[in-house]
Structure formats: C-alpha cells, structure tokens
C-alpha cells in the first residue's frame, strides 16, 4: 500500500481521498468525483433525485445550508462516502496511516 495527498493505492485499487473543511472544498471534491465518473451535472442530478441547479450550486460551494439528505443523495449517487477524522494539525498521510493501521 502507498499513498500521496489525494490517492490511496491498495492492492491495485486507487481510492481518492480529499480533506474537506469548507463548502467550496466539498463542492470541488464532488465535481472532481463527478468528472472522474464521466457524468454530466444533469446525469448526476437525475441519479441523486435532485435538480441540476442544486448540483451546480453544491459544486460551486454556494449551498452552505443545503439539506443534508440531498447532499448525501449526491454523495451516494457518486458511489462515494464521508469519513470523519479528528481535525488537528496532521498531514493527510498521517491521518490515513492512523485510520488504516498496519494493513
């Protein structure tokens, strides 16, 4: 297993990881995930059961008070998940090592 700031390589699989602490970072992470999945905003919206304008606003970080149910519908439609870690002065690599232990 190896990793860098955004990717974890484990047994031939690459998992993308992003540290998100603000609305705009979440939006950028979701947009990146959508683009890697080769989905349009409309396709993602349809899969998530939300409007295209909701997806656009979420990706731009313009929905700081968005309903969590709808945000998680978008995350689920992207086949992604949210992992919470302690927010302290720690590099992403150290946080990942702490989460994964000695795999």
PDB file of N, CA and C in Angstrom:
ATOM      1  N   UNK A   1       0.838  -1.163   0.000  1.00  0.00           N
ATOM      2  CA  UNK A   1       0.000   0.000   0.000  1.00  0.00           C
ATOM      3  C   UNK A   1       0.888   1.232   0.000  1.00  0.00           C
ATOM      4  N   UNK A   2       0.462   2.227  -0.756  1.00  0.00           N
ATOM      5  CA  UNK A   2       1.146   3.512  -0.757  1.00  0.00           C
ATOM      6  C   UNK A   2       0.101   4.600  -0.940  1.00  0.00           C
ATOM      7  N   UNK A   3       0.469   5.820  -0.609  1.00  0.00           N
ATOM      8  CA  UNK A   3      -0.465   6.915  -0.804  1.00  0.00           C
ATOM      9  C   UNK A   3       0.273   8.213  -1.017  1.00  0.00           C
ATOM     10  N   UNK A   4      -0.455   9.148  -1.620  1.00  0.00           N
ATOM     11  CA  UNK A   4       0.011  10.532  -1.698  1.00  0.00           C
ATOM     12  C   UNK A   4      -1.140  11.390  -1.198  1.00  0.00           C
ATOM     13  N   UNK A   5      -1.060  12.671  -1.403  1.00  0.00           N
ATOM     14  CA  UNK A   5      -2.049  13.584  -0.813  1.00  0.00           C
ATOM     15  C   UNK A   5      -3.496  13.238  -1.165  1.00  0.00           C
ATOM     16  N   UNK A   6      -3.774  12.810  -2.387  1.00  0.00           N
ATOM     17  CA  UNK A   6      -5.159  12.605  -2.813  1.00  0.00           C
ATOM     18  C   UNK A   6      -5.526  11.171  -3.155  1.00  0.00           C
ATOM     19  N   UNK A   7      -4.559  10.270  -3.238  1.00  0.00           N
ATOM     20  CA  UNK A   7      -4.848   8.921  -3.686  1.00  0.00           C
ATOM     21  C   UNK A   7      -4.270   7.885  -2.731  1.00  0.00           C
ATOM     22  N   UNK A   8      -5.003   6.807  -2.551  1.00  0.00           N
ATOM     23  CA  UNK A   8      -4.525   5.678  -1.772  1.00  0.00           C
ATOM     24  C   UNK A   8      -4.462   4.505  -2.736  1.00  0.00           C
ATOM     25  N   UNK A   9      -3.321   3.843  -2.782  1.00  0.00           N
ATOM     26  CA  UNK A   9      -3.155   2.670  -3.647  1.00  0.00           C
ATOM     27  C   UNK A   9      -3.111   1.447  -2.745  1.00  0.00           C
ATOM     28  N   UNK A  10      -4.057   0.559  -2.891  1.00  0.00           N
ATOM     29  CA  UNK A  10      -4.135  -0.618  -2.041  1.00  0.00           C
ATOM     30  C   UNK A  10      -4.534  -1.811  -2.887  1.00  0.00           C
ATOM     31  N   UNK A  11      -3.616  -2.754  -3.032  1.00  0.00           N
ATOM     32  CA  UNK A  11      -3.887  -3.978  -3.798  1.00  0.00           C
ATOM     33  C   UNK A  11      -4.417  -3.680  -5.194  1.00  0.00           C
ATOM     34  N   UNK A  12      -3.804  -2.759  -5.879  1.00  0.00           N
ATOM     35  CA  UNK A  12      -4.171  -2.464  -7.250  1.00  0.00           C
ATOM     36  C   UNK A  12      -5.357  -1.531  -7.411  1.00  0.00           C
ATOM     37  N   UNK A  13      -5.970  -1.115  -6.318  1.00  0.00           N
ATOM     38  CA  UNK A  13      -7.119  -0.221  -6.368  1.00  0.00           C
ATOM     39  C   UNK A  13      -6.678   1.177  -5.945  1.00  0.00           C
ATOM     40  N   UNK A  14      -7.175   2.181  -6.641  1.00  0.00           N
ATOM     41  CA  UNK A  14      -6.879   3.564  -6.263  1.00  0.00           C
ATOM     42  C   UNK A  14      -8.131   4.167  -5.648  1.00  0.00           C
ATOM     43  N   UNK A  15      -7.998   4.664  -4.441  1.00  0.00           N
ATOM     44  CA  UNK A  15      -9.087   5.341  -3.760  1.00  0.00           C
ATOM     45  C   UNK A  15      -8.708   6.804  -3.630  1.00  0.00           C
ATOM     46  N   UNK A  16      -9.576   7.687  -4.065  1.00  0.00           N
ATOM     47  CA  UNK A  16      -9.300   9.122  -3.995  1.00  0.00           C
ATOM     48  C   UNK A  16      -9.811   9.650  -2.662  1.00  0.00           C
ATOM     49  N   UNK A  17      -8.962  10.405  -1.993  1.00  0.00           N
ATOM     50  CA  UNK A  17      -9.297  10.977  -0.703  1.00  0.00           C
ATOM     51  C   UNK A  17      -9.020  12.463  -0.726  1.00  0.00           C
ATOM     52  N   UNK A  18      -9.944  13.254  -0.225  1.00  0.00           N
ATOM     53  CA  UNK A  18      -9.735  14.692  -0.136  1.00  0.00           C
ATOM     54  C   UNK A  18     -10.124  15.149   1.259  1.00  0.00           C
ATOM     55  N   UNK A  19      -9.335  16.048   1.815  1.00  0.00           N
ATOM     56  CA  UNK A  19      -9.667  16.650   3.093  1.00  0.00           C
ATOM     57  C   UNK A  19     -10.567  17.848   2.806  1.00  0.00           C
ATOM     58  N   UNK A  20     -11.727  17.863   3.433  1.00  0.00           N
ATOM     59  CA  UNK A  20     -12.720  18.905   3.189  1.00  0.00           C
ATOM     60  C   UNK A  20     -13.071  19.566   4.514  1.00  0.00           C
ATOM     61  N   UNK A  21     -12.901  20.885   4.569  1.00  0.00           N
ATOM     62  CA  UNK A  21     -13.252  21.617   5.786  1.00  0.00           C
ATOM     63  C   UNK A  21     -14.167  22.806   5.499  1.00  0.00           C
ATOM     64  N   UNK A  22     -14.461  23.063   4.217  1.00  0.00           N
ATOM     65  CA  UNK A  22     -15.310  24.189   3.839  1.00  0.00           C
ATOM     66  C   UNK A  22     -16.246  23.780   2.703  1.00  0.00           C
ATOM     67  N   UNK A  23     -17.310  24.568   2.523  1.00  0.00           N
ATOM     68  CA  UNK A  23     -18.293  24.273   1.483  1.00  0.00           C
ATOM     69  C   UNK A  23     -17.658  24.193   0.095  1.00  0.00           C
ATOM     70  N   UNK A  24     -16.772  25.133  -0.222  1.00  0.00           N
ATOM     71  CA  UNK A  24     -16.165  25.157  -1.554  1.00  0.00           C
ATOM     72  C   UNK A  24     -15.283  23.942  -1.784  1.00  0.00           C
ATOM     73  N   UNK A  25     -14.624  23.456  -0.729  1.00  0.00           N
ATOM     74  CA  UNK A  25     -13.802  22.250  -0.868  1.00  0.00           C
ATOM     75  C   UNK A  25     -14.672  21.028  -1.119  1.00  0.00           C
ATOM     76  N   UNK A  26     -15.822  20.959  -0.447  1.00  0.00           N
ATOM     77  CA  UNK A  26     -16.749  19.859  -0.692  1.00  0.00           C
ATOM     78  C   UNK A  26     -17.242  19.918  -2.128  1.00  0.00           C
ATOM     79  N   UNK A  27     -17.592  21.101  -2.579  1.00  0.00           N
ATOM     80  CA  UNK A  27     -18.054  21.265  -3.956  1.00  0.00           C
ATOM     81  C   UNK A  27     -17.002  20.831  -4.961  1.00  0.00           C
ATOM     82  N   UNK A  28     -15.758  21.228  -4.739  1.00  0.00           N
ATOM     83  CA  UNK A  28     -14.665  20.843  -5.643  1.00  0.00           C
ATOM     84  C   UNK A  28     -14.453  19.341  -5.624  1.00  0.00           C
ATOM     85  N   UNK A  29     -14.558  18.729  -4.446  1.00  0.00           N
ATOM     86  CA  UNK A  29     -14.388  17.279  -4.332  1.00  0.00           C
ATOM     87  C   UNK A  29     -15.495  16.545  -5.075  1.00  0.00           C
ATOM     88  N   UNK A  30     -16.732  17.013  -4.929  1.00  0.00           N
ATOM     89  CA  UNK A  30     -17.852  16.375  -5.627  1.00  0.00           C
ATOM     90  C   UNK A  30     -17.742  16.550  -7.135  1.00  0.00           C
ATOM     91  N   UNK A  31     -17.332  17.736  -7.570  1.00  0.00           N
ATOM     92  CA  UNK A  31     -17.163  17.972  -9.002  1.00  0.00           C
ATOM     93  C   UNK A  31     -16.072  17.058  -9.564  1.00  0.00           C
ATOM     94  N   UNK A  32     -14.969  16.950  -8.860  1.00  0.00           N
ATOM     95  CA  UNK A  32     -13.877  16.087  -9.300  1.00  0.00           C
ATOM     96  C   UNK A  32     -14.349  14.642  -9.414  1.00  0.00           C
ATOM     97  N   UNK A  33     -15.095  14.190  -8.411  1.00  0.00           N
ATOM     98  CA  UNK A  33     -15.617  12.821  -8.416  1.00  0.00           C
ATOM     99  C   UNK A  33     -16.583  12.623  -9.587  1.00  0.00           C
ATOM    100  N   UNK A  34     -17.445  13.612  -9.824  1.00  0.00           N
ATOM    101  CA  UNK A  34     -18.403  13.520 -10.939  1.00  0.00           C
ATOM    102  C   UNK A  34     -17.686  13.428 -12.269  1.00  0.00           C
ATOM    103  N   UNK A  35     -16.661  14.266 -12.439  1.00  0.00           N
ATOM    104  CA  UNK A  35     -15.908  14.263 -13.694  1.00  0.00           C
ATOM    105  C   UNK A  35     -15.158  12.948 -13.890  1.00  0.00           C
ATOM    106  N   UNK A  36     -14.599  12.384 -12.821  1.00  0.00           N
ATOM    107  CA  UNK A  36     -13.921  11.079 -12.933  1.00  0.00           C
ATOM    108  C   UNK A  36     -14.911   9.983 -13.317  1.00  0.00           C
ATOM    109  N   UNK A  37     -16.156  10.135 -12.876  1.00  0.00           N
ATOM    110  CA  UNK A  37     -17.204   9.171 -13.214  1.00  0.00           C
ATOM    111  C   UNK A  37     -17.784   9.423 -14.600  1.00  0.00           C
ATOM    112  N   UNK A  38     -17.318  10.494 -15.239  1.00  0.00           N
ATOM    113  CA  UNK A  38     -17.781  10.887 -16.573  1.00  0.00           C
ATOM    114  C   UNK A  38     -19.291  11.114 -16.623  1.00  0.00           C
ATOM    115  N   UNK A  39     -19.777  11.789 -15.591  1.00  0.00           N
ATOM    116  CA  UNK A  39     -21.192  12.135 -15.530  1.00  0.00           C
ATOM    117  C   UNK A  39     -21.361  13.620 -15.774  1.00  0.00           C
ATOM    118  N   UNK A  40     -22.441  13.987 -16.427  1.00  0.00           N
ATOM    119  CA  UNK A  40     -22.792  15.403 -16.535  1.00  0.00           C
ATOM    120  C   UNK A  40     -23.498  15.804 -15.243  1.00  0.00           C
ATOM    121  N   UNK A  41     -23.639  17.093 -15.031  1.00  0.00           N
ATOM    122  CA  UNK A  41     -24.374  17.558 -13.855  1.00  0.00           C
ATOM    123  C   UNK A  41     -25.818  17.072 -13.908  1.00  0.00           C
ATOM    124  N   UNK A  42     -26.397  17.056 -15.090  1.00  0.00           N
ATOM    125  CA  UNK A  42     -27.769  16.581 -15.248  1.00  0.00           C
ATOM    126  C   UNK A  42     -27.910  15.102 -14.928  1.00  0.00           C
ATOM    127  N   UNK A  43     -26.958  14.296 -15.379  1.00  0.00           N
ATOM    128  CA  UNK A  43     -26.999  12.855 -15.092  1.00  0.00           C
ATOM    129  C   UNK A  43     -26.868  12.593 -13.590  1.00  0.00           C
ATOM    130  N   UNK A  44     -25.955  13.318 -12.955  1.00  0.00           N
ATOM    131  CA  UNK A  44     -25.784  13.166 -11.510  1.00  0.00           C
ATOM    132  C   UNK A  44     -27.057  13.580 -10.781  1.00  0.00           C
ATOM    133  N   UNK A  45     -27.628  14.693 -11.189  1.00  0.00           N
ATOM    134  CA  UNK A  45     -28.859  15.174 -10.564  1.00  0.00           C
ATOM    135  C   UNK A  45     -29.964  14.131 -10.670  1.00  0.00           C
ATOM    136  N   UNK A  46     -30.096  13.536 -11.840  1.00  0.00           N
ATOM    137  CA  UNK A  46     -31.130  12.520 -12.047  1.00  0.00           C
ATOM    138  C   UNK A  46     -30.895  11.314 -11.136  1.00  0.00           C
ATOM    139  N   UNK A  47     -29.648  10.848 -11.061  1.00  0.00           N
ATOM    140  CA  UNK A  47     -29.324   9.699 -10.203  1.00  0.00           C
ATOM    141  C   UNK A  47     -29.591   9.994  -8.735  1.00  0.00           C
ATOM    142  N   UNK A  48     -29.342  11.245  -8.323  1.00  0.00           N
ATOM    143  CA  UNK A  48     -29.479  11.626  -6.921  1.00  0.00           C
ATOM    144  C   UNK A  48     -30.898  12.065  -6.564  1.00  0.00           C
ATOM    145  N   UNK A  49     -31.728  12.302  -7.570  1.00  0.00           N
ATOM    146  CA  UNK A  49     -33.082  12.764  -7.304  1.00  0.00           C
ATOM    147  C   UNK A  49     -33.138  14.221  -6.863  1.00  0.00           C
ATOM    148  N   UNK A  50     -32.194  15.018  -7.387  1.00  0.00           N
ATOM    149  CA  UNK A  50     -32.161  16.454  -7.092  1.00  0.00           C
ATOM    150  C   UNK A  50     -32.146  17.204  -8.417  1.00  0.00           C
ATOM    151  N   UNK A  51     -32.264  18.512  -8.354  1.00  0.00           N
ATOM    152  CA  UNK A  51     -32.243  19.297  -9.586  1.00  0.00           C
ATOM    153  C   UNK A  51     -30.804  19.549 -10.046  1.00  0.00           C
ATOM    154  N   UNK A  52     -30.653  19.833 -11.315  1.00  0.00           N
ATOM    155  CA  UNK A  52     -29.333  20.175 -11.858  1.00  0.00           C
ATOM    156  C   UNK A  52     -28.819  21.453 -11.196  1.00  0.00           C
ATOM    157  N   UNK A  53     -29.702  22.405 -10.938  1.00  0.00           N
ATOM    158  CA  UNK A  53     -29.270  23.648 -10.295  1.00  0.00           C
ATOM    159  C   UNK A  53     -28.744  23.383  -8.880  1.00  0.00           C
ATOM    160  N   UNK A  54     -29.286  22.375  -8.195  1.00  0.00           N
ATOM    161  CA  UNK A  54     -28.771  22.007  -6.878  1.00  0.00           C
ATOM    162  C   UNK A  54     -27.336  21.498  -7.010  1.00  0.00           C
ATOM    163  N   UNK A  55     -27.099  20.632  -7.983  1.00  0.00           N
ATOM    164  CA  UNK A  55     -25.749  20.092  -8.207  1.00  0.00           C
ATOM    165  C   UNK A  55     -24.783  21.232  -8.545  1.00  0.00           C
ATOM    166  N   UNK A  56     -25.203  22.121  -9.414  1.00  0.00           N
ATOM    167  CA  UNK A  56     -24.346  23.259  -9.798  1.00  0.00           C
ATOM    168  C   UNK A  56     -23.985  24.087  -8.567  1.00  0.00           C
ATOM    169  N   UNK A  57     -24.973  24.419  -7.764  1.00  0.00           N
ATOM    170  CA  UNK A  57     -24.724  25.212  -6.563  1.00  0.00           C
ATOM    171  C   UNK A  57     -23.835  24.493  -5.569  1.00  0.00           C
ATOM    172  N   UNK A  58     -24.053  23.201  -5.415  1.00  0.00           N
ATOM    173  CA  UNK A  58     -23.240  22.404  -4.495  1.00  0.00           C
ATOM    174  C   UNK A  58     -21.787  22.373  -4.955  1.00  0.00           C
ATOM    175  N   UNK A  59     -21.569  22.139  -6.247  1.00  0.00           N
ATOM    176  CA  UNK A  59     -20.205  22.100  -6.785  1.00  0.00           C
ATOM    177  C   UNK A  59     -19.495  23.442  -6.651  1.00  0.00           C
ATOM    178  N   UNK A  60     -20.236  24.512  -6.703  1.00  0.00           N
ATOM    179  CA  UNK A  60     -19.637  25.852  -6.592  1.00  0.00           C
ATOM    180  C   UNK A  60     -19.508  26.320  -5.144  1.00  0.00           C
ATOM    181  N   UNK A  61     -19.962  25.508  -4.208  1.00  0.00           N
ATOM    182  CA  UNK A  61     -19.888  25.887  -2.805  1.00  0.00           C
ATOM    183  C   UNK A  61     -20.879  26.963  -2.425  1.00  0.00           C
ATOM    184  N   UNK A  62     -21.964  27.061  -3.193  1.00  0.00           N
ATOM    185  CA  UNK A  62     -22.952  28.117  -2.976  1.00  0.00           C
ATOM    186  C   UNK A  62     -24.171  27.636  -2.194  1.00  0.00           C
ATOM    187  N   UNK A  63     -24.089  26.459  -1.610  1.00  0.00           N
ATOM    188  CA  UNK A  63     -25.224  25.927  -0.851  1.00  0.00           C
ATOM    189  C   UNK A  63     -24.780  25.548   0.567  1.00  0.00           C
ATOM    190  N   UNK A  64     -24.307  26.535   1.337  1.00  0.00           N
ATOM    191  CA  UNK A  64     -23.808  26.217   2.681  1.00  0.00           C
ATOM    192  C   UNK A  64     -24.883  25.696   3.630  1.00  0.00           C
ATOM    193  N   UNK A  65     -26.139  25.942   3.322  1.00  0.00           N
ATOM    194  CA  UNK A  65     -27.231  25.474   4.187  1.00  0.00           C
ATOM    195  C   UNK A  65     -28.046  24.375   3.491  1.00  0.00           C
ATOM    196  N   UNK A  66     -27.417  23.682   2.585  1.00  0.00           N
ATOM    197  CA  UNK A  66     -28.120  22.635   1.843  1.00  0.00           C
ATOM    198  C   UNK A  66     -28.589  21.532   2.789  1.00  0.00           C
ATOM    199  N   UNK A  67     -29.739  20.995   2.468  1.00  0.00           N
ATOM    200  CA  UNK A  67     -30.306  19.901   3.242  1.00  0.00           C
ATOM    201  C   UNK A  67     -29.372  18.693   3.179  1.00  0.00           C
ATOM    202  N   UNK A  68     -29.014  18.165   4.339  1.00  0.00           N
ATOM    203  CA  UNK A  68     -28.073  17.040   4.371  1.00  0.00           C
ATOM    204  C   UNK A  68     -28.576  15.824   3.599  1.00  0.00           C
ATOM    205  N   UNK A  69     -29.864  15.589   3.629  1.00  0.00           N
ATOM    206  CA  UNK A  69     -30.429  14.450   2.899  1.00  0.00           C
ATOM    207  C   UNK A  69     -30.092  14.567   1.409  1.00  0.00           C
ATOM    208  N   UNK A  70     -30.210  15.774   0.875  1.00  0.00           N
ATOM    209  CA  UNK A  70     -29.929  15.986  -0.549  1.00  0.00           C
ATOM    210  C   UNK A  70     -28.430  15.899  -0.835  1.00  0.00           C
ATOM    211  N   UNK A  71     -27.614  16.444   0.062  1.00  0.00           N
ATOM    212  CA  UNK A  71     -26.154  16.364  -0.113  1.00  0.00           C
ATOM    213  C   UNK A  71     -25.721  14.896  -0.111  1.00  0.00           C
ATOM    214  N   UNK A  72     -26.225  14.125   0.848  1.00  0.00           N
ATOM    215  CA  UNK A  72     -25.863  12.710   0.901  1.00  0.00           C
ATOM    216  C   UNK A  72     -26.426  11.929  -0.284  1.00  0.00           C
ATOM    217  N   UNK A  73     -27.538  12.349  -0.846  1.00  0.00           N
ATOM    218  CA  UNK A  73     -28.056  11.701  -2.059  1.00  0.00           C
ATOM    219  C   UNK A  73     -27.064  11.881  -3.207  1.00  0.00           C
ATOM    220  N   UNK A  74     -26.471  13.061  -3.314  1.00  0.00           N
ATOM    221  CA  UNK A  74     -25.467  13.314  -4.353  1.00  0.00           C
ATOM    222  C   UNK A  74     -24.222  12.472  -4.087  1.00  0.00           C
ATOM    223  N   UNK A  75     -23.768  12.447  -2.845  1.00  0.00           N
ATOM    224  CA  UNK A  75     -22.585  11.653  -2.488  1.00  0.00           C
ATOM    225  C   UNK A  75     -22.819  10.180  -2.808  1.00  0.00           C
ATOM    226  N   UNK A  76     -23.989   9.659  -2.436  1.00  0.00           N
ATOM    227  CA  UNK A  76     -24.319   8.259  -2.704  1.00  0.00           C
ATOM    228  C   UNK A  76     -24.400   7.987  -4.210  1.00  0.00           C
ATOM    229  N   UNK A  77     -24.974   8.921  -4.965  1.00  0.00           N
ATOM    230  CA  UNK A  77     -25.076   8.756  -6.419  1.00  0.00           C
ATOM    231  C   UNK A  77     -23.704   8.707  -7.079  1.00  0.00           C
ATOM    232  N   UNK A  78     -22.713   9.280  -6.419  1.00  0.00           N
ATOM    233  CA  UNK A  78     -21.338   9.244  -6.927  1.00  0.00           C
ATOM    234  C   UNK A  78     -20.577   8.023  -6.411  1.00  0.00           C
ATOM    235  N   UNK A  79     -21.276   7.136  -5.702  1.00  0.00           N
ATOM    236  CA  UNK A  79     -20.666   5.954  -5.101  1.00  0.00           C
ATOM    237  C   UNK A  79     -19.503   6.365  -4.197  1.00  0.00           C
ATOM    238  N   UNK A  80     -19.735   7.412  -3.407  1.00  0.00           N
ATOM    239  CA  UNK A  80     -18.722   7.940  -2.500  1.00  0.00           C
ATOM    240  C   UNK A  80     -19.248   7.845  -1.067  1.00  0.00           C
ATOM    241  N   UNK A  81     -18.403   8.192  -0.121  1.00  0.00           N
ATOM    242  CA  UNK A  81     -18.779   8.172   1.286  1.00  0.00           C
ATOM    243  C   UNK A  81     -18.055   9.297   2.009  1.00  0.00           C
ATOM    244  N   UNK A  82     -18.512   9.575   3.199  1.00  0.00           N
ATOM    245  CA  UNK A  82     -17.884  10.587   4.043  1.00  0.00           C
ATOM    246  C   UNK A  82     -17.244   9.881   5.225  1.00  0.00           C
ATOM    247  N   UNK A  83     -16.004  10.227   5.517  1.00  0.00           N
ATOM    248  CA  UNK A  83     -15.302   9.702   6.681  1.00  0.00           C
ATOM    249  C   UNK A  83     -14.889  10.879   7.542  1.00  0.00           C
ATOM    250  N   UNK A  84     -15.225  10.832   8.804  1.00  0.00           N
ATOM    251  CA  UNK A  84     -14.859  11.905   9.718  1.00  0.00           C
ATOM    252  C   UNK A  84     -13.585  11.536  10.459  1.00  0.00           C
ATOM    253  N   UNK A  85     -12.671  12.476  10.520  1.00  0.00           N
ATOM    254  CA  UNK A  85     -11.428  12.290  11.260  1.00  0.00           C
ATOM    255  C   UNK A  85     -11.236  13.492  12.171  1.00  0.00           C
ATOM    256  N   UNK A  86     -10.423  13.329  13.180  1.00  0.00           N
ATOM    257  CA  UNK A  86     -10.130  14.454  14.063  1.00  0.00           C
ATOM    258  C   UNK A  86      -9.498  15.567  13.254  1.00  0.00           C
ATOM    259  N   UNK A  87      -9.948  16.788  13.497  1.00  0.00           N
ATOM    260  CA  UNK A  87      -9.398  17.939  12.795  1.00  0.00           C
ATOM    261  C   UNK A  87      -8.318  18.557  13.678  1.00  0.00           C
ATOM    262  N   UNK A  88      -7.092  18.225  13.352  1.00  0.00           N
ATOM    263  CA  UNK A  88      -5.961  18.774  14.089  1.00  0.00           C
ATOM    264  C   UNK A  88      -4.809  18.913  13.128  1.00  0.00           C
ATOM    265  N   UNK A  89      -3.746  19.470  13.557  1.00  0.00           N
ATOM    266  CA  UNK A  89      -2.585  19.664  12.690  1.00  0.00           C
ATOM    267  C   UNK A  89      -1.976  18.310  12.357  1.00  0.00           C
ATOM    268  N   UNK A  90      -2.445  17.727  11.288  1.00  0.00           N
ATOM    269  CA  UNK A  90      -1.995  16.408  10.879  1.00  0.00           C
ATOM    270  C   UNK A  90      -2.030  16.352   9.356  1.00  0.00           C
ATOM    271  N   UNK A  91      -1.002  15.781   8.784  1.00  0.00           N
ATOM    272  CA  UNK A  91      -0.985  15.671   7.332  1.00  0.00           C
ATOM    273  C   UNK A  91      -2.007  14.616   6.902  1.00  0.00           C
ATOM    274  N   UNK A  92      -2.496  14.695   5.669  1.00  0.00           N
ATOM    275  CA  UNK A  92      -3.403  13.648   5.182  1.00  0.00           C
ATOM    276  C   UNK A  92      -2.772  12.258   5.252  1.00  0.00           C
ATOM    277  N   UNK A  93      -1.478  12.187   5.006  1.00  0.00           N
ATOM    278  CA  UNK A  93      -0.780  10.904   5.061  1.00  0.00           C
ATOM    279  C   UNK A  93      -0.817  10.318   6.469  1.00  0.00           C
ATOM    280  N   UNK A  94      -0.575  11.165   7.478  1.00  0.00           N
ATOM    281  CA  UNK A  94      -0.608  10.706   8.863  1.00  0.00           C
ATOM    282  C   UNK A  94      -2.017  10.283   9.275  1.00  0.00           C
ATOM    283  N   UNK A  95      -3.019  11.048   8.856  1.00  0.00           N
ATOM    284  CA  UNK A  95      -4.399  10.710   9.165  1.00  0.00           C
ATOM    285  C   UNK A  95      -4.775   9.372   8.549  1.00  0.00           C
ATOM    286  N   UNK A  96      -4.349   9.137   7.321  1.00  0.00           N
ATOM    287  CA  UNK A  96      -4.648   7.874   6.642  1.00  0.00           C
ATOM    288  C   UNK A  96      -3.952   6.724   7.338  1.00  0.00           C
ATOM    289  N   UNK A  97      -2.699   6.901   7.686  1.00  0.00           N
ATOM    290  CA  UNK A  97      -1.960   5.850   8.384  1.00  0.00           C
ATOM    291  C   UNK A  97      -2.637   5.516   9.703  1.00  0.00           C
ATOM    292  N   UNK A  98      -3.137   6.524  10.399  1.00  0.00           N
ATOM    293  CA  UNK A  98      -3.835   6.301  11.669  1.00  0.00           C
ATOM    294  C   UNK A  98      -5.121   5.522  11.438  1.00  0.00           C
ATOM    295  N   UNK A  99      -5.843   5.842  10.359  1.00  0.00           N
ATOM    296  CA  UNK A  99      -7.091   5.146  10.052  1.00  0.00           C
ATOM    297  C   UNK A  99      -6.864   3.698   9.624  1.00  0.00           C
ATOM    298  N   UNK A 100      -5.853   3.478   8.795  1.00  0.00           N
ATOM    299  CA  UNK A 100      -5.631   2.147   8.220  1.00  0.00           C
ATOM    300  C   UNK A 100      -4.798   1.239   9.095  1.00  0.00           C
ATOM    301  N   UNK A 101      -4.006   1.809   9.975  1.00  0.00           N
ATOM    302  CA  UNK A 101      -3.160   0.973  10.833  1.00  0.00           C
ATOM    303  C   UNK A 101      -2.111   0.254  10.005  1.00  0.00           C
ATOM    304  N   UNK A 102      -1.833  -0.972  10.360  1.00  0.00           N
ATOM    305  CA  UNK A 102      -0.781  -1.764   9.695  1.00  0.00           C
ATOM    306  C   UNK A 102      -1.386  -2.762   8.711  1.00  0.00           C
ATOM    307  N   UNK A 103      -1.949  -2.278   7.636  1.00  0.00           N
ATOM    308  CA  UNK A 103      -2.524  -3.189   6.617  1.00  0.00           C
ATOM    309  C   UNK A 103      -1.440  -3.777   5.754  1.00  0.00           C
TER     310      UNK A 103
END
